[in-house]
Amino acid sequence: DEVRKKLAHLPVDQVVALTLQHGNKALAHV
């Protein structure tokens, strides 16, 4: 939901998404 809201405001042509089944915020940022 957070990513969806952030993407709605970005002027970009393409998006690549990575999902983490069992990740935490620190792992996501790394």
PDB file of all heavy atoms in Angstrom:
ATOM      1  N   ASP A   1       0.825  -1.220   0.000  1.00  0.00           N
ATOM      2  CA  ASP A   1       0.000   0.000   0.000  1.00  0.00           C
ATOM      3  C   ASP A   1       0.853   1.260   0.000  1.00  0.00           C
ATOM      4  O   ASP A   1       0.564   2.225  -0.718  1.00  0.00           O
ATOM      5  CB  ASP A   1      -0.940   0.019   1.221  1.00  0.00           C
ATOM      6  CG  ASP A   1      -2.103  -0.950   1.067  1.00  0.00           C
ATOM      7  OD1 ASP A   1      -2.455  -1.268  -0.092  1.00  0.00           O
ATOM      8  OD2 ASP A   1      -2.638  -1.395   2.104  1.00  0.00           O
ATOM      9  N   GLU A   2       1.939   1.261   0.802  1.00  0.00           N
ATOM     10  CA  GLU A   2       2.833   2.423   0.844  1.00  0.00           C
ATOM     11  C   GLU A   2       3.486   2.654  -0.517  1.00  0.00           C
ATOM     12  O   GLU A   2       3.558   3.780  -0.998  1.00  0.00           O
ATOM     13  CB  GLU A   2       3.907   2.229   1.911  1.00  0.00           C
ATOM     14  CG  GLU A   2       3.378   2.240   3.338  1.00  0.00           C
ATOM     15  CD  GLU A   2       4.420   1.777   4.355  1.00  0.00           C
ATOM     16  OE1 GLU A   2       5.436   1.160   3.975  1.00  0.00           O
ATOM     17  OE2 GLU A   2       4.204   2.043   5.552  1.00  0.00           O
ATOM     18  N   VAL A   3       3.950   1.581  -1.128  1.00  0.00           N
ATOM     19  CA  VAL A   3       4.605   1.697  -2.426  1.00  0.00           C
ATOM     20  C   VAL A   3       3.613   2.166  -3.475  1.00  0.00           C
ATOM     21  O   VAL A   3       3.934   3.023  -4.305  1.00  0.00           O
ATOM     22  CB  VAL A   3       5.261   0.352  -2.828  1.00  0.00           C
ATOM     23  CG1 VAL A   3       5.735   0.381  -4.271  1.00  0.00           C
ATOM     24  CG2 VAL A   3       6.417   0.026  -1.888  1.00  0.00           C
ATOM     25  N   ARG A   4       2.414   1.618  -3.454  1.00  0.00           N
ATOM     26  CA  ARG A   4       1.374   2.020  -4.414  1.00  0.00           C
ATOM     27  C   ARG A   4       1.115   3.528  -4.327  1.00  0.00           C
ATOM     28  O   ARG A   4       1.044   4.220  -5.341  1.00  0.00           O
ATOM     29  CB  ARG A   4       0.090   1.233  -4.139  1.00  0.00           C
ATOM     30  CG  ARG A   4      -0.948   1.324  -5.229  1.00  0.00           C
ATOM     31  CD  ARG A   4      -2.172   0.450  -4.953  1.00  0.00           C
ATOM     32  NE  ARG A   4      -1.827  -0.964  -4.865  1.00  0.00           N
ATOM     33  CZ  ARG A   4      -1.869  -1.705  -3.748  1.00  0.00           C
ATOM     34  NH1 ARG A   4      -2.258  -1.165  -2.605  1.00  0.00           N
ATOM     35  NH2 ARG A   4      -1.550  -2.971  -3.754  1.00  0.00           N
ATOM     36  N   LYS A   5       1.024   4.051  -3.126  1.00  0.00           N
ATOM     37  CA  LYS A   5       0.771   5.484  -2.940  1.00  0.00           C
ATOM     38  C   LYS A   5       1.946   6.328  -3.446  1.00  0.00           C
ATOM     39  O   LYS A   5       1.755   7.357  -4.091  1.00  0.00           O
ATOM     40  CB  LYS A   5       0.506   5.791  -1.467  1.00  0.00           C
ATOM     41  CG  LYS A   5      -0.824   5.283  -0.971  1.00  0.00           C
ATOM     42  CD  LYS A   5      -0.986   5.499   0.527  1.00  0.00           C
ATOM     43  CE  LYS A   5      -2.248   4.827   1.027  1.00  0.00           C
ATOM     44  NZ  LYS A   5      -2.348   4.879   2.489  1.00  0.00           N
ATOM     45  N   LYS A   6       3.172   5.867  -3.162  1.00  0.00           N
ATOM     46  CA  LYS A   6       4.361   6.603  -3.612  1.00  0.00           C
ATOM     47  C   LYS A   6       4.463   6.581  -5.136  1.00  0.00           C
ATOM     48  O   LYS A   6       4.811   7.581  -5.761  1.00  0.00           O
ATOM     49  CB  LYS A   6       5.623   6.005  -2.990  1.00  0.00           C
ATOM     50  CG  LYS A   6       5.728   6.211  -1.485  1.00  0.00           C
ATOM     51  CD  LYS A   6       6.931   5.475  -0.918  1.00  0.00           C
ATOM     52  CE  LYS A   6       6.979   5.569   0.593  1.00  0.00           C
ATOM     53  NZ  LYS A   6       8.117   4.807   1.171  1.00  0.00           N
ATOM     54  N   LEU A   7       4.168   5.430  -5.748  1.00  0.00           N
ATOM     55  CA  LEU A   7       4.263   5.311  -7.198  1.00  0.00           C
ATOM     56  C   LEU A   7       3.236   6.186  -7.908  1.00  0.00           C
ATOM     57  O   LEU A   7       3.488   6.657  -9.018  1.00  0.00           O
ATOM     58  CB  LEU A   7       4.082   3.849  -7.637  1.00  0.00           C
ATOM     59  CG  LEU A   7       5.224   2.902  -7.313  1.00  0.00           C
ATOM     60  CD1 LEU A   7       4.852   1.472  -7.709  1.00  0.00           C
ATOM     61  CD2 LEU A   7       6.495   3.328  -8.016  1.00  0.00           C
ATOM     62  N   ALA A   8       2.101   6.403  -7.272  1.00  0.00           N
ATOM     63  CA  ALA A   8       1.051   7.209  -7.898  1.00  0.00           C
ATOM     64  C   ALA A   8       1.512   8.635  -8.159  1.00  0.00           C
ATOM     65  O   ALA A   8       0.980   9.308  -9.043  1.00  0.00           O
ATOM     66  CB  ALA A   8      -0.195   7.205  -7.008  1.00  0.00           C
ATOM     67  N   HIS A   9       2.514   9.093  -7.427  1.00  0.00           N
ATOM     68  CA  HIS A   9       2.976  10.478  -7.547  1.00  0.00           C
ATOM     69  C   HIS A   9       4.276  10.611  -8.339  1.00  0.00           C
ATOM     70  O   HIS A   9       4.793  11.712  -8.489  1.00  0.00           O
ATOM     71  CB  HIS A   9       3.166  11.090  -6.151  1.00  0.00           C
ATOM     72  CG  HIS A   9       1.917  11.073  -5.335  1.00  0.00           C
ATOM     73  ND1 HIS A   9       0.825  11.867  -5.612  1.00  0.00           N
ATOM     74  CD2 HIS A   9       1.564  10.327  -4.260  1.00  0.00           C
ATOM     75  CE1 HIS A   9      -0.139  11.626  -4.743  1.00  0.00           C
ATOM     76  NE2 HIS A   9       0.283  10.681  -3.906  1.00  0.00           N
ATOM     77  N   LEU A  10       4.806   9.511  -8.855  1.00  0.00           N
ATOM     78  CA  LEU A  10       6.079   9.572  -9.568  1.00  0.00           C
ATOM     79  C   LEU A  10       5.866   9.698 -11.077  1.00  0.00           C
ATOM     80  O   LEU A  10       5.086   8.949 -11.651  1.00  0.00           O
ATOM     81  CB  LEU A  10       6.916   8.319  -9.294  1.00  0.00           C
ATOM     82  CG  LEU A  10       7.439   8.152  -7.877  1.00  0.00           C
ATOM     83  CD1 LEU A  10       8.202   6.837  -7.754  1.00  0.00           C
ATOM     84  CD2 LEU A  10       8.341   9.310  -7.478  1.00  0.00           C
ATOM     85  N   PRO A  11       6.561  10.630 -11.713  1.00  0.00           N
ATOM     86  CA  PRO A  11       6.468  10.783 -13.173  1.00  0.00           C
ATOM     87  C   PRO A  11       7.457   9.854 -13.887  1.00  0.00           C
ATOM     88  O   PRO A  11       8.482  10.290 -14.392  1.00  0.00           O
ATOM     89  CB  PRO A  11       6.833  12.252 -13.388  1.00  0.00           C
ATOM     90  CG  PRO A  11       7.811  12.534 -12.289  1.00  0.00           C
ATOM     91  CD  PRO A  11       7.368  11.696 -11.119  1.00  0.00           C
ATOM     92  N   VAL A  12       7.165   8.544 -13.890  1.00  0.00           N
ATOM     93  CA  VAL A  12       8.075   7.581 -14.495  1.00  0.00           C
ATOM     94  C   VAL A  12       7.360   6.793 -15.587  1.00  0.00           C
ATOM     95  O   VAL A  12       6.142   6.678 -15.591  1.00  0.00           O
ATOM     96  CB  VAL A  12       8.650   6.609 -13.439  1.00  0.00           C
ATOM     97  CG1 VAL A  12       9.498   7.354 -12.425  1.00  0.00           C
ATOM     98  CG2 VAL A  12       7.548   5.839 -12.740  1.00  0.00           C
ATOM     99  N   ASP A  13       8.172   6.242 -16.504  1.00  0.00           N
ATOM    100  CA  ASP A  13       7.621   5.454 -17.603  1.00  0.00           C
ATOM    101  C   ASP A  13       7.519   3.973 -17.258  1.00  0.00           C
ATOM    102  O   ASP A  13       6.632   3.278 -17.736  1.00  0.00           O
ATOM    103  CB  ASP A  13       8.498   5.600 -18.851  1.00  0.00           C
ATOM    104  CG  ASP A  13       8.509   7.028 -19.372  1.00  0.00           C
ATOM    105  OD1 ASP A  13       7.481   7.709 -19.249  1.00  0.00           O
ATOM    106  OD2 ASP A  13       9.558   7.444 -19.892  1.00  0.00           O
ATOM    107  N   GLN A  14       8.473   3.466 -16.477  1.00  0.00           N
ATOM    108  CA  GLN A  14       8.525   2.042 -16.168  1.00  0.00           C
ATOM    109  C   GLN A  14       8.785   1.830 -14.682  1.00  0.00           C
ATOM    110  O   GLN A  14       9.427   2.648 -14.036  1.00  0.00           O
ATOM    111  CB  GLN A  14       9.655   1.365 -16.953  1.00  0.00           C
ATOM    112  CG  GLN A  14       9.483   1.402 -18.458  1.00  0.00           C
ATOM    113  CD  GLN A  14       8.325   0.540 -18.909  1.00  0.00           C
ATOM    114  OE1 GLN A  14       8.188  -0.602 -18.477  1.00  0.00           O
ATOM    115  NE2 GLN A  14       7.491   1.078 -19.782  1.00  0.00           N
ATOM    116  N   VAL A  15       8.295   0.688 -14.174  1.00  0.00           N
ATOM    117  CA  VAL A  15       8.504   0.320 -12.776  1.00  0.00           C
ATOM    118  C   VAL A  15       8.935  -1.141 -12.741  1.00  0.00           C
ATOM    119  O   VAL A  15       8.376  -1.975 -13.449  1.00  0.00           O
ATOM    120  CB  VAL A  15       7.206   0.487 -11.950  1.00  0.00           C
ATOM    121  CG1 VAL A  15       7.392  -0.034 -10.538  1.00  0.00           C
ATOM    122  CG2 VAL A  15       6.770   1.932 -11.939  1.00  0.00           C
ATOM    123  N   VAL A  16       9.942  -1.441 -11.927  1.00  0.00           N
ATOM    124  CA  VAL A  16      10.375  -2.811 -11.674  1.00  0.00           C
ATOM    125  C   VAL A  16      10.146  -3.059 -10.193  1.00  0.00           C
ATOM    126  O   VAL A  16      10.569  -2.262  -9.356  1.00  0.00           O
ATOM    127  CB  VAL A  16      11.872  -2.998 -12.028  1.00  0.00           C
ATOM    128  CG1 VAL A  16      12.338  -4.393 -11.648  1.00  0.00           C
ATOM    129  CG2 VAL A  16      12.105  -2.709 -13.494  1.00  0.00           C
ATOM    130  N   ALA A  17       9.477  -4.152  -9.863  1.00  0.00           N
ATOM    131  CA  ALA A  17       9.156  -4.424  -8.461  1.00  0.00           C
ATOM    132  C   ALA A  17       9.859  -5.686  -7.983  1.00  0.00           C
ATOM    133  O   ALA A  17       9.923  -6.682  -8.702  1.00  0.00           O
ATOM    134  CB  ALA A  17       7.653  -4.574  -8.289  1.00  0.00           C
ATOM    135  N   LEU A  18      10.412  -5.635  -6.796  1.00  0.00           N
ATOM    136  CA  LEU A  18      10.950  -6.802  -6.105  1.00  0.00           C
ATOM    137  C   LEU A  18      10.103  -7.006  -4.861  1.00  0.00           C
ATOM    138  O   LEU A  18       9.820  -6.049  -4.138  1.00  0.00           O
ATOM    139  CB  LEU A  18      12.403  -6.575  -5.682  1.00  0.00           C
ATOM    140  CG  LEU A  18      13.424  -6.381  -6.787  1.00  0.00           C
ATOM    141  CD1 LEU A  18      14.768  -5.999  -6.186  1.00  0.00           C
ATOM    142  CD2 LEU A  18      13.557  -7.632  -7.611  1.00  0.00           C
ATOM    143  N   THR A  19       9.707  -8.217  -4.606  1.00  0.00           N
ATOM    144  CA  THR A  19       8.917  -8.477  -3.400  1.00  0.00           C
ATOM    145  C   THR A  19       9.720  -9.350  -2.449  1.00  0.00           C
ATOM    146  O   THR A  19      10.525 -10.180  -2.878  1.00  0.00           O
ATOM    147  CB  THR A  19       7.590  -9.183  -3.749  1.00  0.00           C
ATOM    148  OG1 THR A  19       7.878 -10.425  -4.380  1.00  0.00           O
ATOM    149  CG2 THR A  19       6.759  -8.309  -4.679  1.00  0.00           C
ATOM    150  N   LEU A  20       9.515  -9.142  -1.173  1.00  0.00           N
ATOM    151  CA  LEU A  20      10.187  -9.931  -0.137  1.00  0.00           C
ATOM    152  C   LEU A  20       9.120 -10.626   0.697  1.00  0.00           C
ATOM    153  O   LEU A  20       8.348  -9.969   1.392  1.00  0.00           O
ATOM    154  CB  LEU A  20      11.042  -9.032   0.761  1.00  0.00           C
ATOM    155  CG  LEU A  20      12.167  -8.262   0.073  1.00  0.00           C
ATOM    156  CD1 LEU A  20      12.849  -7.335   1.061  1.00  0.00           C
ATOM    157  CD2 LEU A  20      13.168  -9.223  -0.539  1.00  0.00           C
ATOM    158  N   GLN A  21       9.096 -11.939   0.619  1.00  0.00           N
ATOM    159  CA  GLN A  21       8.109 -12.725   1.352  1.00  0.00           C
ATOM    160  C   GLN A  21       8.317 -12.591   2.861  1.00  0.00           C
ATOM    161  O   GLN A  21       7.397 -12.361   3.606  1.00  0.00           O
ATOM    162  CB  GLN A  21       8.207 -14.193   0.939  1.00  0.00           C
ATOM    163  CG  GLN A  21       7.189 -15.096   1.582  1.00  0.00           C
ATOM    164  CD  GLN A  21       5.923 -15.187   0.762  1.00  0.00           C
ATOM    165  OE1 GLN A  21       5.924 -14.850  -0.401  1.00  0.00           O
ATOM    166  NE2 GLN A  21       4.851 -15.631   1.375  1.00  0.00           N
ATOM    167  N   HIS A  22       9.578 -12.727   3.296  1.00  0.00           N
ATOM    168  CA  HIS A  22       9.858 -12.724   4.741  1.00  0.00           C
ATOM    169  C   HIS A  22      10.937 -11.716   5.087  1.00  0.00           C
ATOM    170  O   HIS A  22      11.802 -11.988   5.914  1.00  0.00           O
ATOM    171  CB  HIS A  22      10.305 -14.122   5.194  1.00  0.00           C
ATOM    172  CG  HIS A  22       9.302 -15.192   4.914  1.00  0.00           C
ATOM    173  ND1 HIS A  22       8.099 -15.268   5.571  1.00  0.00           N
ATOM    174  CD2 HIS A  22       9.301 -16.199   4.010  1.00  0.00           C
ATOM    175  CE1 HIS A  22       7.411 -16.288   5.105  1.00  0.00           C
ATOM    176  NE2 HIS A  22       8.121 -16.874   4.146  1.00  0.00           N
ATOM    177  N   GLY A  23      10.914 -10.569   4.483  1.00  0.00           N
ATOM    178  CA  GLY A  23      11.948  -9.575   4.731  1.00  0.00           C
ATOM    179  C   GLY A  23      11.498  -8.520   5.717  1.00  0.00           C
ATOM    180  O   GLY A  23      10.311  -8.325   5.938  1.00  0.00           O
ATOM    181  N   ASN A  24      12.470  -7.838   6.285  1.00  0.00           N
ATOM    182  CA  ASN A  24      12.152  -6.721   7.170  1.00  0.00           C
ATOM    183  C   ASN A  24      12.596  -5.429   6.482  1.00  0.00           C
ATOM    184  O   ASN A  24      13.173  -5.447   5.402  1.00  0.00           O
ATOM    185  CB  ASN A  24      12.814  -6.904   8.538  1.00  0.00           C
ATOM    186  CG  ASN A  24      14.321  -7.049   8.424  1.00  0.00           C
ATOM    187  OD1 ASN A  24      14.946  -6.433   7.571  1.00  0.00           O
ATOM    188  ND2 ASN A  24      14.903  -7.863   9.279  1.00  0.00           N
ATOM    189  N   LYS A  25      12.348  -4.287   7.108  1.00  0.00           N
ATOM    190  CA  LYS A  25      12.682  -2.993   6.501  1.00  0.00           C
ATOM    191  C   LYS A  25      14.178  -2.847   6.246  1.00  0.00           C
ATOM    192  O   LYS A  25      14.590  -2.325   5.216  1.00  0.00           O
ATOM    193  CB  LYS A  25      12.185  -1.844   7.380  1.00  0.00           C
ATOM    194  CG  LYS A  25      10.718  -1.592   7.269  1.00  0.00           C
ATOM    195  CD  LYS A  25      10.330  -0.331   8.016  1.00  0.00           C
ATOM    196  CE  LYS A  25       8.846  -0.078   7.830  1.00  0.00           C
ATOM    197  NZ  LYS A  25       8.441   1.209   8.370  1.00  0.00           N
ATOM    198  N   ALA A  26      14.996  -3.306   7.177  1.00  0.00           N
ATOM    199  CA  ALA A  26      16.445  -3.178   7.006  1.00  0.00           C
ATOM    200  C   ALA A  26      16.907  -3.973   5.788  1.00  0.00           C
ATOM    201  O   ALA A  26      17.687  -3.475   4.972  1.00  0.00           O
ATOM    202  CB  ALA A  26      17.170  -3.658   8.268  1.00  0.00           C
ATOM    203  N   LEU A  27      16.424  -5.191   5.641  1.00  0.00           N
ATOM    204  CA  LEU A  27      16.781  -6.021   4.494  1.00  0.00           C
ATOM    205  C   LEU A  27      16.290  -5.376   3.200  1.00  0.00           C
ATOM    206  O   LEU A  27      17.009  -5.350   2.197  1.00  0.00           O
ATOM    207  CB  LEU A  27      16.182  -7.426   4.643  1.00  0.00           C
ATOM    208  CG  LEU A  27      16.365  -8.370   3.452  1.00  0.00           C
ATOM    209  CD1 LEU A  27      17.845  -8.609   3.175  1.00  0.00           C
ATOM    210  CD2 LEU A  27      15.637  -9.679   3.695  1.00  0.00           C
ATOM    211  N   ALA A  28      15.099  -4.837   3.217  1.00  0.00           N
ATOM    212  CA  ALA A  28      14.542  -4.186   2.031  1.00  0.00           C
ATOM    213  C   ALA A  28      15.416  -3.013   1.599  1.00  0.00           C
ATOM    214  O   ALA A  28      15.687  -2.843   0.400  1.00  0.00           O
ATOM    215  CB  ALA A  28      13.116  -3.715   2.304  1.00  0.00           C
ATOM    216  N   HIS A  29      15.878  -2.215   2.541  1.00  0.00           N
ATOM    217  CA  HIS A  29      16.716  -1.060   2.210  1.00  0.00           C
ATOM    218  C   HIS A  29      18.091  -1.486   1.685  1.00  0.00           C
ATOM    219  O   HIS A  29      18.610  -0.870   0.749  1.00  0.00           O
ATOM    220  CB  HIS A  29      16.851  -0.123   3.411  1.00  0.00           C
ATOM    221  CG  HIS A  29      15.629   0.703   3.645  1.00  0.00           C
ATOM    222  ND1 HIS A  29      15.322   1.799   2.871  1.00  0.00           N
ATOM    223  CD2 HIS A  29      14.617   0.573   4.536  1.00  0.00           C
ATOM    224  CE1 HIS A  29      14.182   2.318   3.285  1.00  0.00           C
ATOM    225  NE2 HIS A  29      13.725   1.591   4.299  1.00  0.00           N
ATOM    226  N   VAL A  30      18.672  -2.536   2.258  1.00  0.00           N
ATOM    227  CA  VAL A  30      19.963  -3.025   1.782  1.00  0.00           C
ATOM    228  C   VAL A  30      19.822  -3.547   0.357  1.00  0.00           C
ATOM    229  O   VAL A  30      20.633  -3.230  -0.526  1.00  0.00           O
ATOM    230  CB  VAL A  30      20.517  -4.133   2.725  1.00  0.00           C
ATOM    231  CG1 VAL A  30      21.707  -4.834   2.093  1.00  0.00           C
ATOM    232  CG2 VAL A  30      20.892  -3.536   4.075  1.00  0.00           C
TER     233      VAL A  30
END
